[in-house]
N, C-alpha and C. Protein backbone atom coordinates (compact mmCIF):
# COMPACT_ATOMS: atom_id res chain seq x y z
N UNK A 1 -20.36 -13.18 14.45
CA UNK A 1 -20.40 -11.75 14.25
C UNK A 1 -21.51 -11.19 15.12
N UNK A 2 -21.24 -10.11 15.78
CA UNK A 2 -22.22 -9.56 16.70
C UNK A 2 -23.30 -8.78 15.98
N UNK A 3 -24.45 -8.69 16.63
CA UNK A 3 -25.56 -7.91 16.08
C UNK A 3 -25.17 -6.43 16.02
N UNK A 4 -24.32 -6.00 16.96
CA UNK A 4 -23.86 -4.60 16.96
C UNK A 4 -23.10 -4.31 15.67
N UNK A 5 -22.22 -5.22 15.28
CA UNK A 5 -21.45 -5.05 14.05
C UNK A 5 -22.39 -4.93 12.86
N UNK A 6 -23.34 -5.83 12.75
CA UNK A 6 -24.27 -5.82 11.63
C UNK A 6 -25.08 -4.53 11.60
N UNK A 7 -25.58 -4.10 12.75
CA UNK A 7 -26.44 -2.91 12.76
C UNK A 7 -25.64 -1.64 12.54
N UNK A 8 -24.35 -1.67 12.82
CA UNK A 8 -23.53 -0.47 12.68
C UNK A 8 -23.10 -0.23 11.23
N UNK A 9 -23.08 -1.29 10.42
CA UNK A 9 -22.61 -1.17 9.04
C UNK A 9 -23.74 -0.75 8.12
N UNK A 10 -23.39 0.12 7.17
CA UNK A 10 -24.35 0.63 6.20
C UNK A 10 -23.73 0.49 4.82
N UNK A 11 -24.46 -0.13 3.90
CA UNK A 11 -23.96 -0.31 2.53
C UNK A 11 -24.66 0.65 1.60
N UNK A 12 -23.85 1.36 0.81
CA UNK A 12 -24.40 2.27 -0.20
C UNK A 12 -23.65 2.04 -1.50
N UNK A 13 -24.36 2.22 -2.63
CA UNK A 13 -23.66 2.09 -3.91
C UNK A 13 -22.51 3.10 -3.99
N UNK A 14 -21.36 2.65 -4.48
CA UNK A 14 -20.22 3.55 -4.63
C UNK A 14 -20.55 4.58 -5.71
N UNK A 15 -20.22 5.82 -5.43
CA UNK A 15 -20.46 6.93 -6.34
C UNK A 15 -19.11 7.53 -6.75
N UNK A 16 -19.06 8.26 -7.86
CA UNK A 16 -17.79 8.89 -8.25
C UNK A 16 -17.18 9.74 -7.14
N UNK A 17 -18.01 10.38 -6.34
CA UNK A 17 -17.47 11.22 -5.26
C UNK A 17 -16.87 10.40 -4.12
N UNK A 18 -17.07 9.08 -4.11
CA UNK A 18 -16.46 8.20 -3.11
C UNK A 18 -15.04 7.79 -3.48
N UNK A 19 -14.67 7.94 -4.73
CA UNK A 19 -13.42 7.37 -5.22
C UNK A 19 -12.19 7.93 -4.50
N UNK A 20 -12.17 9.21 -4.15
CA UNK A 20 -11.01 9.76 -3.43
C UNK A 20 -10.78 9.02 -2.11
N UNK A 21 -11.84 8.81 -1.33
CA UNK A 21 -11.71 8.11 -0.05
C UNK A 21 -11.35 6.64 -0.27
N UNK A 22 -11.93 6.03 -1.29
CA UNK A 22 -11.62 4.63 -1.62
C UNK A 22 -10.14 4.51 -1.99
N UNK A 23 -9.63 5.45 -2.78
CA UNK A 23 -8.22 5.40 -3.20
C UNK A 23 -7.26 5.51 -2.02
N UNK A 24 -7.60 6.31 -1.03
CA UNK A 24 -6.74 6.42 0.15
C UNK A 24 -6.61 5.05 0.83
N UNK A 25 -7.73 4.36 0.99
CA UNK A 25 -7.71 3.03 1.59
C UNK A 25 -6.97 2.05 0.69
N UNK A 26 -7.27 2.07 -0.59
CA UNK A 26 -6.65 1.16 -1.56
C UNK A 26 -5.13 1.28 -1.52
N UNK A 27 -4.64 2.51 -1.50
CA UNK A 27 -3.19 2.75 -1.50
C UNK A 27 -2.56 2.36 -0.16
N UNK A 28 -3.34 2.45 0.92
CA UNK A 28 -2.85 2.06 2.23
C UNK A 28 -2.85 0.54 2.39
N UNK A 29 -3.79 -0.14 1.72
CA UNK A 29 -3.98 -1.57 1.91
C UNK A 29 -3.08 -2.44 1.04
N UNK A 30 -2.65 -1.93 -0.12
CA UNK A 30 -1.96 -2.79 -1.09
C UNK A 30 -0.68 -2.16 -1.63
N UNK A 31 0.33 -2.98 -1.86
CA UNK A 31 1.54 -2.47 -2.50
C UNK A 31 1.33 -2.18 -3.99
N UNK A 32 0.33 -2.81 -4.60
CA UNK A 32 0.00 -2.60 -6.02
C UNK A 32 -1.49 -2.31 -6.12
N UNK A 33 -1.90 -1.10 -5.72
CA UNK A 33 -3.33 -0.78 -5.64
C UNK A 33 -3.97 -0.55 -7.00
N UNK A 34 -5.30 -0.69 -7.01
CA UNK A 34 -6.07 -0.25 -8.16
C UNK A 34 -5.85 1.25 -8.33
N UNK A 35 -6.02 1.73 -9.53
CA UNK A 35 -5.88 3.16 -9.83
C UNK A 35 -7.24 3.84 -9.83
N UNK A 36 -7.20 5.16 -9.87
CA UNK A 36 -8.44 5.93 -10.01
C UNK A 36 -9.20 5.47 -11.24
N UNK A 37 -8.48 5.21 -12.33
CA UNK A 37 -9.13 4.77 -13.57
C UNK A 37 -9.80 3.42 -13.40
N UNK A 38 -9.20 2.51 -12.64
CA UNK A 38 -9.84 1.21 -12.40
C UNK A 38 -11.21 1.39 -11.76
N UNK A 39 -11.28 2.26 -10.76
CA UNK A 39 -12.55 2.49 -10.08
C UNK A 39 -13.52 3.27 -10.98
N UNK A 40 -13.03 4.30 -11.63
CA UNK A 40 -13.89 5.10 -12.51
C UNK A 40 -14.44 4.25 -13.64
N UNK A 41 -13.60 3.42 -14.24
CA UNK A 41 -14.05 2.55 -15.33
C UNK A 41 -15.09 1.54 -14.84
N UNK A 42 -14.90 1.02 -13.64
CA UNK A 42 -15.86 0.06 -13.07
C UNK A 42 -17.21 0.73 -12.84
N UNK A 43 -17.19 1.95 -12.34
CA UNK A 43 -18.45 2.67 -12.13
C UNK A 43 -19.11 2.99 -13.47
N UNK A 44 -18.31 3.44 -14.43
CA UNK A 44 -18.85 3.77 -15.75
C UNK A 44 -19.44 2.55 -16.45
N UNK A 45 -18.85 1.38 -16.20
CA UNK A 45 -19.35 0.14 -16.81
C UNK A 45 -20.60 -0.39 -16.12
N UNK A 46 -20.96 0.22 -14.99
CA UNK A 46 -22.16 -0.22 -14.29
C UNK A 46 -21.95 -1.42 -13.38
N UNK A 47 -20.70 -1.69 -13.01
CA UNK A 47 -20.44 -2.80 -12.10
C UNK A 47 -21.09 -2.52 -10.75
N UNK A 48 -21.34 -3.56 -10.02
CA UNK A 48 -21.94 -3.46 -8.69
C UNK A 48 -20.83 -3.07 -7.72
N UNK A 49 -20.79 -1.82 -7.32
CA UNK A 49 -19.72 -1.30 -6.46
C UNK A 49 -20.36 -0.73 -5.19
N UNK A 50 -19.80 -1.11 -4.06
CA UNK A 50 -20.42 -0.80 -2.78
C UNK A 50 -19.41 -0.23 -1.79
N UNK A 51 -19.89 0.68 -0.96
CA UNK A 51 -19.12 1.21 0.16
C UNK A 51 -19.76 0.68 1.44
N UNK A 52 -18.93 0.25 2.38
CA UNK A 52 -19.38 -0.17 3.69
C UNK A 52 -18.93 0.91 4.68
N UNK A 53 -19.91 1.54 5.29
CA UNK A 53 -19.61 2.60 6.25
C UNK A 53 -20.08 2.19 7.64
N UNK A 54 -19.31 2.61 8.62
CA UNK A 54 -19.69 2.44 10.02
C UNK A 54 -19.75 3.86 10.56
N UNK A 55 -20.94 4.23 10.98
CA UNK A 55 -21.24 5.63 11.24
C UNK A 55 -20.93 6.37 9.94
N UNK A 56 -20.02 7.29 9.91
CA UNK A 56 -19.68 7.97 8.65
C UNK A 56 -18.35 7.50 8.07
N UNK A 57 -17.66 6.62 8.80
CA UNK A 57 -16.33 6.18 8.37
C UNK A 57 -16.43 5.10 7.30
N UNK A 58 -15.61 5.22 6.26
CA UNK A 58 -15.54 4.22 5.22
C UNK A 58 -14.67 3.07 5.73
N UNK A 59 -15.31 1.94 6.03
CA UNK A 59 -14.61 0.78 6.58
C UNK A 59 -14.14 -0.17 5.49
N UNK A 60 -14.78 -0.13 4.33
CA UNK A 60 -14.40 -1.02 3.24
C UNK A 60 -15.25 -0.78 2.02
N UNK A 61 -14.95 -1.55 0.97
CA UNK A 61 -15.66 -1.40 -0.30
C UNK A 61 -15.45 -2.65 -1.13
N UNK A 62 -16.25 -2.76 -2.16
CA UNK A 62 -16.14 -3.91 -3.05
C UNK A 62 -16.65 -3.55 -4.44
N UNK A 63 -16.10 -4.23 -5.43
CA UNK A 63 -16.54 -4.08 -6.82
C UNK A 63 -16.76 -5.49 -7.36
N UNK A 64 -17.94 -5.69 -7.95
CA UNK A 64 -18.32 -7.00 -8.46
C UNK A 64 -18.96 -6.82 -9.84
N UNK A 65 -18.59 -7.68 -10.76
CA UNK A 65 -19.18 -7.68 -12.09
C UNK A 65 -20.25 -8.77 -12.13
N UNK A 66 -21.44 -8.41 -12.57
CA UNK A 66 -22.54 -9.37 -12.70
C UNK A 66 -22.84 -9.58 -14.18
N UNK A 67 -22.73 -10.82 -14.64
CA UNK A 67 -22.99 -11.16 -16.03
C UNK A 67 -23.84 -12.42 -16.07
N UNK A 68 -25.03 -12.30 -16.63
CA UNK A 68 -25.97 -13.41 -16.71
C UNK A 68 -26.14 -14.05 -15.34
N UNK A 69 -25.77 -15.31 -15.17
CA UNK A 69 -25.96 -15.97 -13.88
C UNK A 69 -24.65 -16.12 -13.10
N UNK A 70 -23.68 -15.26 -13.40
CA UNK A 70 -22.40 -15.30 -12.71
C UNK A 70 -22.03 -13.95 -12.10
N UNK A 71 -21.33 -14.02 -10.98
CA UNK A 71 -20.78 -12.83 -10.34
C UNK A 71 -19.26 -13.03 -10.28
N UNK A 72 -18.54 -11.95 -10.57
CA UNK A 72 -17.08 -12.02 -10.49
C UNK A 72 -16.63 -10.90 -9.56
N UNK A 73 -16.06 -11.30 -8.42
CA UNK A 73 -15.55 -10.35 -7.45
C UNK A 73 -14.25 -9.77 -7.98
N UNK A 74 -14.21 -8.47 -8.19
CA UNK A 74 -13.03 -7.82 -8.75
C UNK A 74 -12.15 -7.19 -7.67
N UNK A 75 -12.77 -6.68 -6.63
CA UNK A 75 -12.02 -6.02 -5.56
C UNK A 75 -12.88 -6.03 -4.31
N UNK A 76 -12.32 -6.49 -3.21
CA UNK A 76 -12.95 -6.34 -1.90
C UNK A 76 -11.84 -5.95 -0.94
N UNK A 77 -12.07 -4.87 -0.23
CA UNK A 77 -11.04 -4.33 0.66
C UNK A 77 -11.66 -3.82 1.94
N UNK A 78 -11.05 -4.18 3.03
CA UNK A 78 -11.38 -3.61 4.33
C UNK A 78 -10.22 -2.70 4.70
N UNK A 79 -10.52 -1.48 5.09
CA UNK A 79 -9.48 -0.53 5.49
C UNK A 79 -8.61 -1.16 6.57
N UNK A 80 -7.29 -0.98 6.48
CA UNK A 80 -6.40 -1.62 7.46
C UNK A 80 -6.81 -1.39 8.92
N UNK A 81 -7.28 -0.22 9.26
CA UNK A 81 -7.66 0.05 10.66
C UNK A 81 -9.01 -0.57 11.04
N UNK A 82 -9.71 -1.19 10.10
CA UNK A 82 -10.99 -1.87 10.36
C UNK A 82 -10.87 -3.38 10.22
N UNK A 83 -9.69 -3.88 9.86
CA UNK A 83 -9.52 -5.31 9.61
C UNK A 83 -9.58 -6.11 10.90
N UNK A 84 -9.88 -7.41 10.73
CA UNK A 84 -9.95 -8.39 11.81
C UNK A 84 -11.07 -8.10 12.79
N UNK A 85 -12.15 -7.49 12.28
CA UNK A 85 -13.33 -7.21 13.10
C UNK A 85 -14.61 -7.78 12.48
N UNK A 86 -14.47 -8.55 11.41
CA UNK A 86 -15.63 -9.17 10.79
C UNK A 86 -16.21 -8.41 9.60
N UNK A 87 -15.59 -7.28 9.22
CA UNK A 87 -16.16 -6.50 8.12
C UNK A 87 -15.95 -7.16 6.76
N UNK A 88 -14.87 -7.92 6.58
CA UNK A 88 -14.69 -8.66 5.33
C UNK A 88 -15.83 -9.63 5.13
N UNK A 89 -16.17 -10.37 6.17
CA UNK A 89 -17.29 -11.31 6.12
C UNK A 89 -18.60 -10.57 5.82
N UNK A 90 -18.80 -9.47 6.49
CA UNK A 90 -20.04 -8.69 6.30
C UNK A 90 -20.15 -8.17 4.87
N UNK A 91 -19.06 -7.68 4.32
CA UNK A 91 -19.06 -7.19 2.94
C UNK A 91 -19.36 -8.35 1.98
N UNK A 92 -18.72 -9.49 2.20
CA UNK A 92 -18.96 -10.63 1.33
C UNK A 92 -20.42 -11.08 1.41
N UNK A 93 -21.00 -11.12 2.59
CA UNK A 93 -22.41 -11.50 2.73
C UNK A 93 -23.31 -10.53 1.97
N UNK A 94 -22.97 -9.25 2.02
CA UNK A 94 -23.74 -8.26 1.25
C UNK A 94 -23.64 -8.55 -0.25
N UNK A 95 -22.43 -8.86 -0.71
CA UNK A 95 -22.24 -9.15 -2.13
C UNK A 95 -23.01 -10.41 -2.54
N UNK A 96 -23.02 -11.43 -1.69
CA UNK A 96 -23.79 -12.63 -2.00
C UNK A 96 -25.27 -12.28 -2.19
N UNK A 97 -25.78 -11.46 -1.31
CA UNK A 97 -27.18 -11.06 -1.40
C UNK A 97 -27.47 -10.30 -2.69
N UNK A 98 -26.61 -9.35 -3.01
CA UNK A 98 -26.78 -8.58 -4.25
C UNK A 98 -26.71 -9.50 -5.46
N UNK A 99 -25.72 -10.39 -5.47
CA UNK A 99 -25.54 -11.30 -6.61
C UNK A 99 -26.76 -12.20 -6.78
N UNK A 100 -27.25 -12.76 -5.70
CA UNK A 100 -28.44 -13.62 -5.78
C UNK A 100 -29.65 -12.84 -6.29
N UNK A 101 -29.81 -11.61 -5.82
CA UNK A 101 -30.92 -10.77 -6.26
C UNK A 101 -30.87 -10.55 -7.77
N UNK A 102 -29.68 -10.51 -8.33
CA UNK A 102 -29.51 -10.32 -9.78
C UNK A 102 -29.46 -11.65 -10.54
N UNK A 103 -29.76 -12.74 -9.87
CA UNK A 103 -29.85 -14.03 -10.54
C UNK A 103 -28.55 -14.81 -10.66
N UNK A 104 -27.51 -14.37 -9.98
CA UNK A 104 -26.23 -15.09 -10.05
C UNK A 104 -26.34 -16.42 -9.31
N UNK A 105 -25.77 -17.44 -9.91
CA UNK A 105 -25.77 -18.78 -9.32
C UNK A 105 -24.38 -19.17 -8.80
N UNK A 106 -23.35 -18.48 -9.29
CA UNK A 106 -21.98 -18.81 -8.94
C UNK A 106 -21.16 -17.53 -8.87
N UNK A 107 -20.21 -17.48 -7.93
CA UNK A 107 -19.31 -16.34 -7.82
C UNK A 107 -17.87 -16.81 -8.01
N UNK A 108 -17.11 -16.01 -8.74
CA UNK A 108 -15.70 -16.28 -9.00
C UNK A 108 -14.86 -15.15 -8.40
N UNK A 109 -13.60 -15.46 -8.13
CA UNK A 109 -12.65 -14.44 -7.70
C UNK A 109 -11.24 -14.94 -7.96
N UNK A 110 -10.30 -14.02 -7.94
CA UNK A 110 -8.87 -14.34 -7.94
C UNK A 110 -8.28 -13.80 -6.66
N UNK A 111 -7.32 -14.54 -6.12
CA UNK A 111 -6.64 -14.10 -4.91
C UNK A 111 -5.17 -14.48 -5.03
N UNK A 112 -4.32 -13.62 -4.48
CA UNK A 112 -2.88 -13.91 -4.48
C UNK A 112 -2.60 -15.11 -3.57
N UNK A 113 -1.72 -16.02 -3.98
CA UNK A 113 -1.31 -17.10 -3.08
C UNK A 113 -0.71 -16.57 -1.78
N UNK A 114 -0.10 -15.39 -1.83
CA UNK A 114 0.50 -14.79 -0.63
C UNK A 114 -0.53 -14.15 0.30
N UNK A 115 -1.79 -14.06 -0.12
CA UNK A 115 -2.83 -13.44 0.70
C UNK A 115 -3.52 -14.51 1.54
N UNK A 116 -2.83 -14.97 2.57
CA UNK A 116 -3.37 -16.02 3.44
C UNK A 116 -4.66 -15.60 4.14
N UNK A 117 -4.76 -14.37 4.68
CA UNK A 117 -6.02 -13.99 5.33
C UNK A 117 -7.20 -14.00 4.34
N UNK A 118 -6.98 -13.51 3.14
CA UNK A 118 -8.04 -13.51 2.13
C UNK A 118 -8.46 -14.93 1.77
N UNK A 119 -7.47 -15.79 1.54
CA UNK A 119 -7.79 -17.18 1.21
C UNK A 119 -8.54 -17.86 2.36
N UNK A 120 -8.14 -17.55 3.58
CA UNK A 120 -8.83 -18.13 4.74
C UNK A 120 -10.29 -17.72 4.78
N UNK A 121 -10.56 -16.44 4.55
CA UNK A 121 -11.95 -15.95 4.53
C UNK A 121 -12.73 -16.64 3.42
N UNK A 122 -12.16 -16.67 2.23
CA UNK A 122 -12.87 -17.28 1.10
C UNK A 122 -13.14 -18.76 1.34
N UNK A 123 -12.17 -19.46 1.91
CA UNK A 123 -12.39 -20.88 2.23
C UNK A 123 -13.52 -21.05 3.25
N UNK A 124 -13.53 -20.22 4.29
CA UNK A 124 -14.59 -20.30 5.31
C UNK A 124 -15.96 -20.03 4.70
N UNK A 125 -16.00 -19.18 3.68
CA UNK A 125 -17.28 -18.85 3.04
C UNK A 125 -17.75 -19.92 2.06
N UNK A 126 -16.88 -20.87 1.73
CA UNK A 126 -17.28 -21.94 0.83
C UNK A 126 -16.67 -21.88 -0.55
N UNK A 127 -15.77 -20.95 -0.79
CA UNK A 127 -15.07 -20.90 -2.08
C UNK A 127 -14.08 -22.06 -2.14
N UNK A 128 -13.87 -22.56 -3.35
CA UNK A 128 -12.89 -23.62 -3.57
C UNK A 128 -12.02 -23.24 -4.75
N UNK A 129 -10.73 -23.59 -4.71
CA UNK A 129 -9.86 -23.30 -5.85
C UNK A 129 -10.29 -24.11 -7.07
N UNK A 130 -10.31 -23.45 -8.22
CA UNK A 130 -10.66 -24.16 -9.46
C UNK A 130 -9.59 -23.99 -10.54
N UNK A 131 -8.58 -23.17 -10.26
CA UNK A 131 -7.54 -22.98 -11.26
C UNK A 131 -6.51 -21.97 -10.80
N UNK A 132 -5.62 -21.65 -11.72
CA UNK A 132 -4.54 -20.71 -11.43
C UNK A 132 -4.28 -19.88 -12.67
N UNK A 133 -4.08 -18.59 -12.50
CA UNK A 133 -3.68 -17.70 -13.59
C UNK A 133 -2.22 -17.35 -13.36
N UNK A 134 -1.37 -17.80 -14.24
CA UNK A 134 0.08 -17.58 -14.10
C UNK A 134 0.42 -16.11 -14.36
N UNK A 135 1.22 -15.54 -13.46
CA UNK A 135 1.71 -14.18 -13.63
C UNK A 135 0.62 -13.12 -13.68
N UNK A 136 -0.45 -13.32 -12.97
CA UNK A 136 -1.63 -12.45 -13.03
C UNK A 136 -1.42 -11.10 -12.34
N UNK A 137 -0.78 -11.12 -11.18
CA UNK A 137 -0.64 -9.90 -10.37
C UNK A 137 0.75 -9.29 -10.49
N UNK A 138 0.84 -7.96 -10.50
CA UNK A 138 2.16 -7.34 -10.40
C UNK A 138 2.74 -7.61 -9.00
N UNK A 139 4.05 -7.78 -8.96
CA UNK A 139 4.73 -8.03 -7.68
C UNK A 139 6.16 -7.52 -7.79
N UNK A 140 6.30 -6.23 -7.99
CA UNK A 140 7.63 -5.65 -8.17
C UNK A 140 8.19 -6.02 -9.52
N UNK A 141 9.41 -6.53 -9.54
CA UNK A 141 10.02 -6.92 -10.81
C UNK A 141 9.52 -8.29 -11.28
N UNK A 142 8.75 -8.95 -10.46
CA UNK A 142 8.20 -10.26 -10.77
C UNK A 142 6.69 -10.15 -10.99
N UNK A 143 6.06 -11.26 -11.25
CA UNK A 143 4.60 -11.35 -11.30
C UNK A 143 4.20 -12.47 -10.35
N UNK A 144 3.02 -12.35 -9.76
CA UNK A 144 2.51 -13.38 -8.86
C UNK A 144 1.30 -14.04 -9.50
N UNK A 145 1.21 -15.34 -9.34
CA UNK A 145 0.05 -16.06 -9.85
C UNK A 145 -1.21 -15.63 -9.10
N UNK A 146 -2.35 -16.00 -9.64
CA UNK A 146 -3.63 -15.84 -8.96
C UNK A 146 -4.24 -17.22 -8.81
N UNK A 147 -4.78 -17.46 -7.62
CA UNK A 147 -5.58 -18.64 -7.39
C UNK A 147 -7.01 -18.25 -7.76
N UNK A 148 -7.60 -18.98 -8.70
CA UNK A 148 -8.99 -18.73 -9.10
C UNK A 148 -9.87 -19.60 -8.21
N UNK A 149 -10.87 -18.96 -7.62
CA UNK A 149 -11.77 -19.68 -6.72
C UNK A 149 -13.21 -19.46 -7.17
N UNK A 150 -14.07 -20.38 -6.84
CA UNK A 150 -15.49 -20.27 -7.17
C UNK A 150 -16.35 -20.81 -6.03
N UNK A 151 -17.58 -20.34 -6.01
CA UNK A 151 -18.53 -20.78 -5.00
C UNK A 151 -19.91 -20.76 -5.61
N UNK A 152 -20.68 -21.81 -5.34
CA UNK A 152 -22.08 -21.82 -5.75
C UNK A 152 -22.87 -20.94 -4.79
N UNK A 153 -23.71 -20.08 -5.34
CA UNK A 153 -24.51 -19.20 -4.49
C UNK A 153 -25.84 -19.85 -4.17
């Protein structure tokens, strides 16, 4: 990842006024996106939610739950027009730093088996599969399993 990429990205805590822009990306990125309530509830619960901006453009965001010595990644998204430029890696590195600062020793996440790019990123970062949640994700008239992954921080 280039130094230009790192210096161009700015992380700020997600605020309620960010949710409209986040929803536009969420709906563009996923066939079964999080809802406004998912984001509002996460903010109200005090989850660690972050926006990644390049200049003033929202390039991505993430929501992570921190509990005792564990972090659980709930949502990480790079806007489709910003993908494949290293921002997913940059967002994850930011989350690792935040999680460690809050005393987390391990991070968990779920990912769709059909999300090969996401699984590839998580594998490169050191996540390993530890289980499966049957029928976890909506997938039209069906449900899709989730691969549960974990990584020591």
